[in-house]
Amino acid sequence: MSTQQFVLPSAPDQKQAALLVKSLTKQAENYKITDEDGFIASWALVERHDQAIAKIGEWFNPFVDGLHKLHKMAIALRAQFLDPIVASKKALLGERGRYRTEQERQKRIEADKQAEILRKAQAKELTQEAKKLEKAGETEAATVLREQAATLPPPVVAIAPAVQKQEGSVLKTRWIATITNYDLVPIEYKTLDHTKETERRLIDGKVQGVVAKLGNQIKISGVDIRQETSEHSRAVTR
């Protein structure tokens, strides 16, 4: 990782530049045009300003250009060492995200199993109660309980965190909209007065704006809505 050798131009003589600026601005500061001769004579002063502008550029441009070039070189030098670390961190966070997602999936599967076990147990209790009512001659009540048992939804089972929380780790979630079929997107997201490419960009922006606020609370035809979780370190977010 070698760097190009570069010699920064010397700084211009600021005193000389200051004298030139002071001389010209002093002449122009109190210059008043009261007649045609004064108007014509003022052009010579304008030309001296142009000459001064060119002279200051001649003095300072190499120095400014040199600093600009040095700045670009410094950025490139930093990138040689910073970019591999940033890429490595991104890959590591990606692997953590993959593991977290898989653990969350497993937790949801287990929670769904537990919810189904509870649902069946509750349905069984309702069915047994229905049999008792039926034996007691309360057939209508028994029918209601059997219908409830048949349509009983699974209870909500709390899901424990998939992975332990670590100090300094910051998780950010956002809703992402992916348009799978532009033709199915409702008319309120379209303007229809642009080129096809521009129209699609406008639709993307409108749909994403709504989804970012409402998440999966809204259903949009032709649009897939999912939640994305990303991890950052609190100390350095890059």
C-alpha atoms as a PDB file:
ATOM      1  CA  MET A   1       0.000   0.000   0.000  1.00  0.00           C
ATOM      2  CA  SER A   2       2.315   2.732  -1.228  1.00  0.00           C
ATOM      3  CA  THR A   3       1.356   6.363  -1.614  1.00  0.00           C
ATOM      4  CA  GLN A   4       2.323   8.771  -4.351  1.00  0.00           C
ATOM      5  CA  GLN A   5       5.002  11.269  -3.376  1.00  0.00           C
ATOM      6  CA  PHE A   6       3.671  14.805  -3.501  1.00  0.00           C
ATOM      7  CA  VAL A   7       5.248  18.183  -2.787  1.00  0.00           C
ATOM      8  CA  LEU A   8       2.798  20.838  -1.648  1.00  0.00           C
ATOM      9  CA  PRO A   9       3.348  24.235  -3.350  1.00  0.00           C
ATOM     10  CA  SER A  10       4.521  27.038  -1.089  1.00  0.00           C
ATOM     11  CA  ALA A  11       1.883  29.297   0.410  1.00  0.00           C
ATOM     12  CA  PRO A  12       1.471  32.594  -1.542  1.00  0.00           C
ATOM     13  CA  ASP A  13       2.731  35.888  -0.152  1.00  0.00           C
ATOM     14  CA  GLN A  14      -0.314  37.055   1.743  1.00  0.00           C
ATOM     15  CA  LYS A  15       1.106  40.499   2.482  1.00  0.00           C
ATOM     16  CA  GLN A  16       1.602  41.191  -1.235  1.00  0.00           C
ATOM     17  CA  ALA A  17      -1.959  39.998  -1.951  1.00  0.00           C
ATOM     18  CA  ALA A  18      -3.349  42.111   0.878  1.00  0.00           C
ATOM     19  CA  LEU A  19      -1.658  45.237  -0.477  1.00  0.00           C
ATOM     20  CA  LEU A  20      -3.111  44.642  -3.934  1.00  0.00           C
ATOM     21  CA  VAL A  21      -6.602  44.114  -2.538  1.00  0.00           C
ATOM     22  CA  LYS A  22      -6.410  47.152  -0.280  1.00  0.00           C
ATOM     23  CA  SER A  23      -5.145  49.375  -3.089  1.00  0.00           C
ATOM     24  CA  LEU A  24      -7.936  48.530  -5.507  1.00  0.00           C
ATOM     25  CA  THR A  25     -10.815  48.371  -3.052  1.00  0.00           C
ATOM     26  CA  LYS A  26      -9.728  51.741  -1.635  1.00  0.00           C
ATOM     27  CA  GLN A  27      -9.925  53.303  -5.094  1.00  0.00           C
ATOM     28  CA  ALA A  28     -13.351  51.803  -5.789  1.00  0.00           C
ATOM     29  CA  GLU A  29     -14.781  52.440  -2.332  1.00  0.00           C
ATOM     30  CA  ASN A  30     -15.262  56.200  -2.757  1.00  0.00           C
ATOM     31  CA  TYR A  31     -15.529  56.281  -6.543  1.00  0.00           C
ATOM     32  CA  LYS A  32     -18.575  58.281  -7.614  1.00  0.00           C
ATOM     33  CA  ILE A  33     -19.612  58.769 -11.233  1.00  0.00           C
ATOM     34  CA  THR A  34     -21.036  62.244 -11.773  1.00  0.00           C
ATOM     35  CA  ASP A  35     -20.496  62.788 -15.501  1.00  0.00           C
ATOM     36  CA  GLU A  36     -19.665  61.046 -18.799  1.00  0.00           C
ATOM     37  CA  ASP A  37     -15.917  61.428 -18.271  1.00  0.00           C
ATOM     38  CA  GLY A  38     -16.177  59.745 -14.899  1.00  0.00           C
ATOM     39  CA  PHE A  39     -18.208  56.929 -16.422  1.00  0.00           C
ATOM     40  CA  ILE A  40     -15.592  56.326 -19.139  1.00  0.00           C
ATOM     41  CA  ALA A  41     -12.710  56.567 -16.672  1.00  0.00           C
ATOM     42  CA  SER A  42     -14.323  53.996 -14.354  1.00  0.00           C
ATOM     43  CA  TRP A  43     -13.776  51.262 -16.937  1.00  0.00           C
ATOM     44  CA  ALA A  44     -10.045  51.492 -16.476  1.00  0.00           C
ATOM     45  CA  LEU A  45     -10.600  50.755 -12.796  1.00  0.00           C
ATOM     46  CA  VAL A  46     -12.773  47.760 -13.696  1.00  0.00           C
ATOM     47  CA  GLU A  47      -9.945  46.452 -15.903  1.00  0.00           C
ATOM     48  CA  ARG A  48      -7.461  46.871 -13.057  1.00  0.00           C
ATOM     49  CA  HIS A  49      -9.801  44.755 -10.925  1.00  0.00           C
ATOM     50  CA  ASP A  50      -9.756  42.058 -13.622  1.00  0.00           C
ATOM     51  CA  GLN A  51      -5.970  42.191 -13.680  1.00  0.00           C
ATOM     52  CA  ALA A  52      -5.886  41.842  -9.896  1.00  0.00           C
ATOM     53  CA  ILE A  53      -8.298  38.887 -10.015  1.00  0.00           C
ATOM     54  CA  ALA A  54      -6.039  37.175 -12.571  1.00  0.00           C
ATOM     55  CA  LYS A  55      -2.949  37.952 -10.489  1.00  0.00           C
ATOM     56  CA  ILE A  56      -4.470  36.566  -7.286  1.00  0.00           C
ATOM     57  CA  GLY A  57      -5.478  33.443  -9.210  1.00  0.00           C
ATOM     58  CA  GLU A  58      -1.929  33.156 -10.518  1.00  0.00           C
ATOM     59  CA  TRP A  59      -0.592  33.347  -6.961  1.00  0.00           C
ATOM     60  CA  PHE A  60      -3.143  31.166  -5.196  1.00  0.00           C
ATOM     61  CA  ASN A  61      -4.447  28.621  -7.725  1.00  0.00           C
ATOM     62  CA  PRO A  62      -1.391  26.320  -7.589  1.00  0.00           C
ATOM     63  CA  PHE A  63      -1.581  26.334  -3.798  1.00  0.00           C
ATOM     64  CA  VAL A  64      -5.341  25.654  -3.746  1.00  0.00           C
ATOM     65  CA  ASP A  65      -5.057  22.965  -6.425  1.00  0.00           C
ATOM     66  CA  GLY A  66      -2.202  21.387  -4.508  1.00  0.00           C
ATOM     67  CA  LEU A  67      -4.220  21.267  -1.297  1.00  0.00           C
ATOM     68  CA  HIS A  68      -7.158  19.798  -3.192  1.00  0.00           C
ATOM     69  CA  LYS A  69      -4.921  17.119  -4.695  1.00  0.00           C
ATOM     70  CA  LEU A  70      -3.382  16.426  -1.290  1.00  0.00           C
ATOM     71  CA  HIS A  71      -6.878  16.095   0.196  1.00  0.00           C
ATOM     72  CA  LYS A  72      -7.848  13.536  -2.445  1.00  0.00           C
ATOM     73  CA  MET A  73      -4.641  11.635  -1.817  1.00  0.00           C
ATOM     74  CA  ALA A  74      -5.307  11.657   1.915  1.00  0.00           C
ATOM     75  CA  ILE A  75      -8.815  10.277   1.375  1.00  0.00           C
ATOM     76  CA  ALA A  76      -7.450   7.535  -0.891  1.00  0.00           C
ATOM     77  CA  LEU A  77      -4.755   6.692   1.656  1.00  0.00           C
ATOM     78  CA  ARG A  78      -7.287   6.440   4.464  1.00  0.00           C
ATOM     79  CA  ALA A  79      -9.544   4.281   2.273  1.00  0.00           C
ATOM     80  CA  GLN A  80      -6.730   1.751   1.753  1.00  0.00           C
ATOM     81  CA  PHE A  81      -6.851   0.941   5.452  1.00  0.00           C
ATOM     82  CA  LEU A  82     -10.426   1.851   6.367  1.00  0.00           C
ATOM     83  CA  ASP A  83     -12.364   0.138   3.565  1.00  0.00           C
ATOM     84  CA  PRO A  84     -11.158  -3.407   4.358  1.00  0.00           C
ATOM     85  CA  ILE A  85     -12.130  -2.941   8.015  1.00  0.00           C
ATOM     86  CA  VAL A  86     -15.537  -1.528   7.095  1.00  0.00           C
ATOM     87  CA  ALA A  87     -16.125  -4.424   4.673  1.00  0.00           C
ATOM     88  CA  SER A  88     -15.020  -6.938   7.303  1.00  0.00           C
ATOM     89  CA  LYS A  89     -17.350  -5.402   9.892  1.00  0.00           C
ATOM     90  CA  LYS A  90     -20.236  -5.436   7.396  1.00  0.00           C
ATOM     91  CA  ALA A  91     -19.654  -9.128   6.673  1.00  0.00           C
ATOM     92  CA  LEU A  92     -19.515  -9.917  10.390  1.00  0.00           C
ATOM     93  CA  LEU A  93     -22.742  -8.031  11.083  1.00  0.00           C
ATOM     94  CA  GLY A  94     -24.304  -9.823   8.138  1.00  0.00           C
ATOM     95  CA  GLU A  95     -23.382 -13.199   9.610  1.00  0.00           C
ATOM     96  CA  ARG A  96     -24.816 -12.134  12.965  1.00  0.00           C
ATOM     97  CA  GLY A  97     -27.987 -11.080  11.170  1.00  0.00           C
ATOM     98  CA  ARG A  98     -28.214 -14.438   9.391  1.00  0.00           C
ATOM     99  CA  TYR A  99     -27.866 -16.294  12.692  1.00  0.00           C
ATOM    100  CA  ARG A 100     -30.384 -13.999  14.422  1.00  0.00           C
ATOM    101  CA  THR A 101     -32.930 -14.469  11.633  1.00  0.00           C
ATOM    102  CA  GLU A 102     -32.572 -18.252  11.783  1.00  0.00           C
ATOM    103  CA  GLN A 103     -32.976 -18.270  15.564  1.00  0.00           C
ATOM    104  CA  GLU A 104     -36.051 -16.073  15.292  1.00  0.00           C
ATOM    105  CA  ARG A 105     -37.499 -18.465  12.716  1.00  0.00           C
ATOM    106  CA  GLN A 106     -36.911 -21.422  15.018  1.00  0.00           C
ATOM    107  CA  LYS A 107     -38.481 -19.545  17.915  1.00  0.00           C
ATOM    108  CA  ARG A 108     -41.567 -18.771  15.824  1.00  0.00           C
ATOM    109  CA  ILE A 109     -41.882 -22.419  14.794  1.00  0.00           C
ATOM    110  CA  GLU A 110     -41.683 -23.514  18.438  1.00  0.00           C
ATOM    111  CA  ALA A 111     -44.162 -20.819  19.494  1.00  0.00           C
ATOM    112  CA  ASP A 112     -46.584 -21.913  16.769  1.00  0.00           C
ATOM    113  CA  LYS A 113     -46.315 -25.530  17.983  1.00  0.00           C
ATOM    114  CA  GLN A 114     -47.030 -24.480  21.557  1.00  0.00           C
ATOM    115  CA  ALA A 115     -49.933 -22.341  20.399  1.00  0.00           C
ATOM    116  CA  GLU A 116     -51.424 -25.301  18.495  1.00  0.00           C
ATOM    117  CA  ILE A 117     -51.056 -27.570  21.552  1.00  0.00           C
ATOM    118  CA  LEU A 118     -52.874 -24.996  23.672  1.00  0.00           C
ATOM    119  CA  ARG A 119     -55.548 -24.554  20.991  1.00  0.00           C
ATOM    120  CA  LYS A 120     -56.222 -28.284  20.872  1.00  0.00           C
ATOM    121  CA  ALA A 121     -56.365 -28.461  24.660  1.00  0.00           C
ATOM    122  CA  GLN A 122     -58.858 -25.594  24.812  1.00  0.00           C
ATOM    123  CA  ALA A 123     -60.904 -27.118  21.991  1.00  0.00           C
ATOM    124  CA  LYS A 124     -60.955 -30.444  23.825  1.00  0.00           C
ATOM    125  CA  GLU A 125     -62.250 -28.749  26.972  1.00  0.00           C
ATOM    126  CA  LEU A 126     -64.997 -27.057  24.976  1.00  0.00           C
ATOM    127  CA  THR A 127     -65.942 -30.339  23.338  1.00  0.00           C
ATOM    128  CA  GLN A 128     -66.105 -32.126  26.701  1.00  0.00           C
ATOM    129  CA  GLU A 129     -68.236 -29.320  28.088  1.00  0.00           C
ATOM    130  CA  ALA A 130     -70.494 -29.603  25.043  1.00  0.00           C
ATOM    131  CA  LYS A 131     -71.013 -33.325  25.723  1.00  0.00           C
ATOM    132  CA  LYS A 132     -72.026 -32.568  29.304  1.00  0.00           C
ATOM    133  CA  LEU A 133     -74.512 -29.951  28.138  1.00  0.00           C
ATOM    134  CA  GLU A 134     -75.884 -32.330  25.525  1.00  0.00           C
ATOM    135  CA  LYS A 135     -76.450 -35.018  28.134  1.00  0.00           C
ATOM    136  CA  ALA A 136     -78.213 -32.420  30.230  1.00  0.00           C
ATOM    137  CA  GLY A 137     -80.545 -31.674  27.321  1.00  0.00           C
ATOM    138  CA  GLU A 138     -79.030 -28.285  26.485  1.00  0.00           C
ATOM    139  CA  THR A 139     -78.446 -29.090  22.834  1.00  0.00           C
ATOM    140  CA  GLU A 140     -78.340 -25.499  21.593  1.00  0.00           C
ATOM    141  CA  ALA A 141     -75.617 -24.527  24.079  1.00  0.00           C
ATOM    142  CA  ALA A 142     -73.747 -27.711  23.212  1.00  0.00           C
ATOM    143  CA  THR A 143     -73.881 -26.816  19.497  1.00  0.00           C
ATOM    144  CA  VAL A 144     -72.479 -23.365  20.207  1.00  0.00           C
ATOM    145  CA  LEU A 145     -69.558 -24.844  22.175  1.00  0.00           C
ATOM    146  CA  ARG A 146     -68.789 -27.324  19.400  1.00  0.00           C
ATOM    147  CA  GLU A 147     -68.728 -24.512  16.846  1.00  0.00           C
ATOM    148  CA  GLN A 148     -66.397 -22.549  19.090  1.00  0.00           C
ATOM    149  CA  ALA A 149     -64.142 -25.594  19.445  1.00  0.00           C
ATOM    150  CA  ALA A 150     -64.012 -26.040  15.660  1.00  0.00           C
ATOM    151  CA  THR A 151     -63.142 -22.383  14.954  1.00  0.00           C
ATOM    152  CA  LEU A 152     -61.016 -21.650  18.002  1.00  0.00           C
ATOM    153  CA  PRO A 153     -57.935 -19.653  16.954  1.00  0.00           C
ATOM    154  CA  PRO A 154     -54.567 -20.504  18.473  1.00  0.00           C
ATOM    155  CA  PRO A 155     -53.628 -18.270  21.425  1.00  0.00           C
ATOM    156  CA  VAL A 156     -50.819 -15.760  21.178  1.00  0.00           C
ATOM    157  CA  VAL A 157     -47.661 -17.234  22.660  1.00  0.00           C
ATOM    158  CA  ALA A 158     -44.961 -14.817  23.731  1.00  0.00           C
ATOM    159  CA  ILE A 159     -41.675 -15.397  21.917  1.00  0.00           C
ATOM    160  CA  ALA A 160     -38.491 -15.038  23.916  1.00  0.00           C
ATOM    161  CA  PRO A 161     -35.658 -13.018  22.351  1.00  0.00           C
ATOM    162  CA  ALA A 162     -33.859 -15.106  19.753  1.00  0.00           C
ATOM    163  CA  VAL A 163     -30.415 -13.959  20.899  1.00  0.00           C
ATOM    164  CA  GLN A 164     -29.201 -12.147  23.978  1.00  0.00           C
ATOM    165  CA  LYS A 165     -28.894  -8.370  23.966  1.00  0.00           C
ATOM    166  CA  GLN A 166     -25.306  -7.164  23.927  1.00  0.00           C
ATOM    167  CA  GLU A 167     -24.116  -3.814  25.188  1.00  0.00           C
ATOM    168  CA  GLY A 168     -23.271  -1.445  22.360  1.00  0.00           C
ATOM    169  CA  SER A 169     -25.385  -3.324  19.820  1.00  0.00           C
ATOM    170  CA  VAL A 170     -28.180  -1.294  18.221  1.00  0.00           C
ATOM    171  CA  LEU A 171     -30.881  -3.003  16.177  1.00  0.00           C
ATOM    172  CA  LYS A 172     -32.833  -0.932  13.678  1.00  0.00           C
ATOM    173  CA  THR A 173     -35.907  -2.211  11.890  1.00  0.00           C
ATOM    174  CA  ARG A 174     -37.652  -0.776   8.863  1.00  0.00           C
ATOM    175  CA  TRP A 175     -40.370  -1.846   6.489  1.00  0.00           C
ATOM    176  CA  ILE A 176     -39.331  -2.493   2.895  1.00  0.00           C
ATOM    177  CA  ALA A 177     -41.718  -2.499  -0.069  1.00  0.00           C
ATOM    178  CA  THR A 178     -40.844  -4.516  -3.162  1.00  0.00           C
ATOM    179  CA  ILE A 179     -43.136  -4.042  -6.148  1.00  0.00           C
ATOM    180  CA  THR A 180     -43.693  -7.402  -7.793  1.00  0.00           C
ATOM    181  CA  ASN A 181     -46.246  -6.270 -10.380  1.00  0.00           C
ATOM    182  CA  TYR A 182     -46.638  -2.617 -11.372  1.00  0.00           C
ATOM    183  CA  ASP A 183     -49.883  -3.327 -13.211  1.00  0.00           C
ATOM    184  CA  LEU A 184     -51.562  -4.440  -9.969  1.00  0.00           C
ATOM    185  CA  VAL A 185     -50.536  -1.380  -7.947  1.00  0.00           C
ATOM    186  CA  PRO A 186     -53.674   0.720  -7.138  1.00  0.00           C
ATOM    187  CA  ILE A 187     -54.316   3.841  -9.216  1.00  0.00           C
ATOM    188  CA  GLU A 188     -53.789   6.199  -6.241  1.00  0.00           C
ATOM    189  CA  TYR A 189     -50.051   5.458  -6.391  1.00  0.00           C
ATOM    190  CA  LYS A 190     -49.833   6.337 -10.086  1.00  0.00           C
ATOM    191  CA  THR A 191     -49.789   9.596 -12.054  1.00  0.00           C
ATOM    192  CA  LEU A 192     -49.730   8.181 -15.589  1.00  0.00           C
ATOM    193  CA  ASP A 193     -48.293  11.335 -17.137  1.00  0.00           C
ATOM    194  CA  HIS A 194     -44.638  10.386 -17.281  1.00  0.00           C
ATOM    195  CA  THR A 195     -42.445   7.975 -19.190  1.00  0.00           C
ATOM    196  CA  LYS A 196     -42.695   4.374 -18.031  1.00  0.00           C
ATOM    197  CA  GLU A 197     -39.317   4.521 -16.282  1.00  0.00           C
ATOM    198  CA  THR A 198     -40.112   7.770 -14.482  1.00  0.00           C
ATOM    199  CA  GLU A 199     -43.571   6.507 -13.584  1.00  0.00           C
ATOM    200  CA  ARG A 200     -42.116   3.428 -11.922  1.00  0.00           C
ATOM    201  CA  ARG A 201     -39.704   5.528  -9.875  1.00  0.00           C
ATOM    202  CA  LEU A 202     -42.599   7.692  -8.701  1.00  0.00           C
ATOM    203  CA  ILE A 203     -44.648   4.630  -7.786  1.00  0.00           C
ATOM    204  CA  ASP A 204     -41.680   3.158  -5.898  1.00  0.00           C
ATOM    205  CA  GLY A 205     -41.286   6.378  -3.902  1.00  0.00           C
ATOM    206  CA  LYS A 206     -44.977   6.706  -3.039  1.00  0.00           C
ATOM    207  CA  VAL A 207     -45.370   3.064  -2.051  1.00  0.00           C
ATOM    208  CA  GLN A 208     -42.179   3.028   0.035  1.00  0.00           C
ATOM    209  CA  GLY A 209     -43.256   6.212   1.825  1.00  0.00           C
ATOM    210  CA  VAL A 210     -46.566   4.665   2.871  1.00  0.00           C
ATOM    211  CA  VAL A 211     -45.039   1.323   3.837  1.00  0.00           C
ATOM    212  CA  ALA A 212     -42.313   3.013   5.893  1.00  0.00           C
ATOM    213  CA  LYS A 213     -45.046   4.600   8.046  1.00  0.00           C
ATOM    214  CA  LEU A 214     -47.646   1.821   8.196  1.00  0.00           C
ATOM    215  CA  GLY A 215     -45.612  -1.344   7.740  1.00  0.00           C
ATOM    216  CA  ASN A 216     -47.678  -4.473   7.195  1.00  0.00           C
ATOM    217  CA  GLN A 217     -50.777  -2.777   8.563  1.00  0.00           C
ATOM    218  CA  ILE A 218     -51.501  -1.868   4.955  1.00  0.00           C
ATOM    219  CA  LYS A 219     -51.948  -4.281   2.072  1.00  0.00           C
ATOM    220  CA  ILE A 220     -51.125  -3.059  -1.446  1.00  0.00           C
ATOM    221  CA  SER A 221     -51.803  -5.150  -4.524  1.00  0.00           C
ATOM    222  CA  GLY A 222     -48.669  -6.022  -6.454  1.00  0.00           C
ATOM    223  CA  VAL A 223     -46.428  -5.148  -3.505  1.00  0.00           C
ATOM    224  CA  ASP A 224     -44.488  -7.425  -1.165  1.00  0.00           C
ATOM    225  CA  ILE A 225     -43.995  -5.890   2.292  1.00  0.00           C
ATOM    226  CA  ARG A 226     -41.384  -7.205   4.699  1.00  0.00           C
ATOM    227  CA  GLN A 227     -39.503  -6.020   7.751  1.00  0.00           C
ATOM    228  CA  GLU A 228     -35.735  -5.664   7.629  1.00  0.00           C
ATOM    229  CA  THR A 229     -33.552  -5.621  10.736  1.00  0.00           C
ATOM    230  CA  SER A 230     -30.007  -4.297  10.669  1.00  0.00           C
ATOM    231  CA  GLU A 231     -27.443  -4.169  13.445  1.00  0.00           C
ATOM    232  CA  HIS A 232     -25.069  -1.300  14.200  1.00  0.00           C
ATOM    233  CA  SER A 233     -22.463  -0.716  16.856  1.00  0.00           C
ATOM    234  CA  ARG A 234     -23.365   2.229  19.046  1.00  0.00           C
ATOM    235  CA  ALA A 235     -19.834   3.619  19.138  1.00  0.00           C
ATOM    236  CA  VAL A 236     -19.322   3.638  15.349  1.00  0.00           C
ATOM    237  CA  THR A 237     -22.340   3.416  13.042  1.00  0.00           C
ATOM    238  CA  ARG A 238     -20.368   3.161   9.796  1.00  0.00           C
END
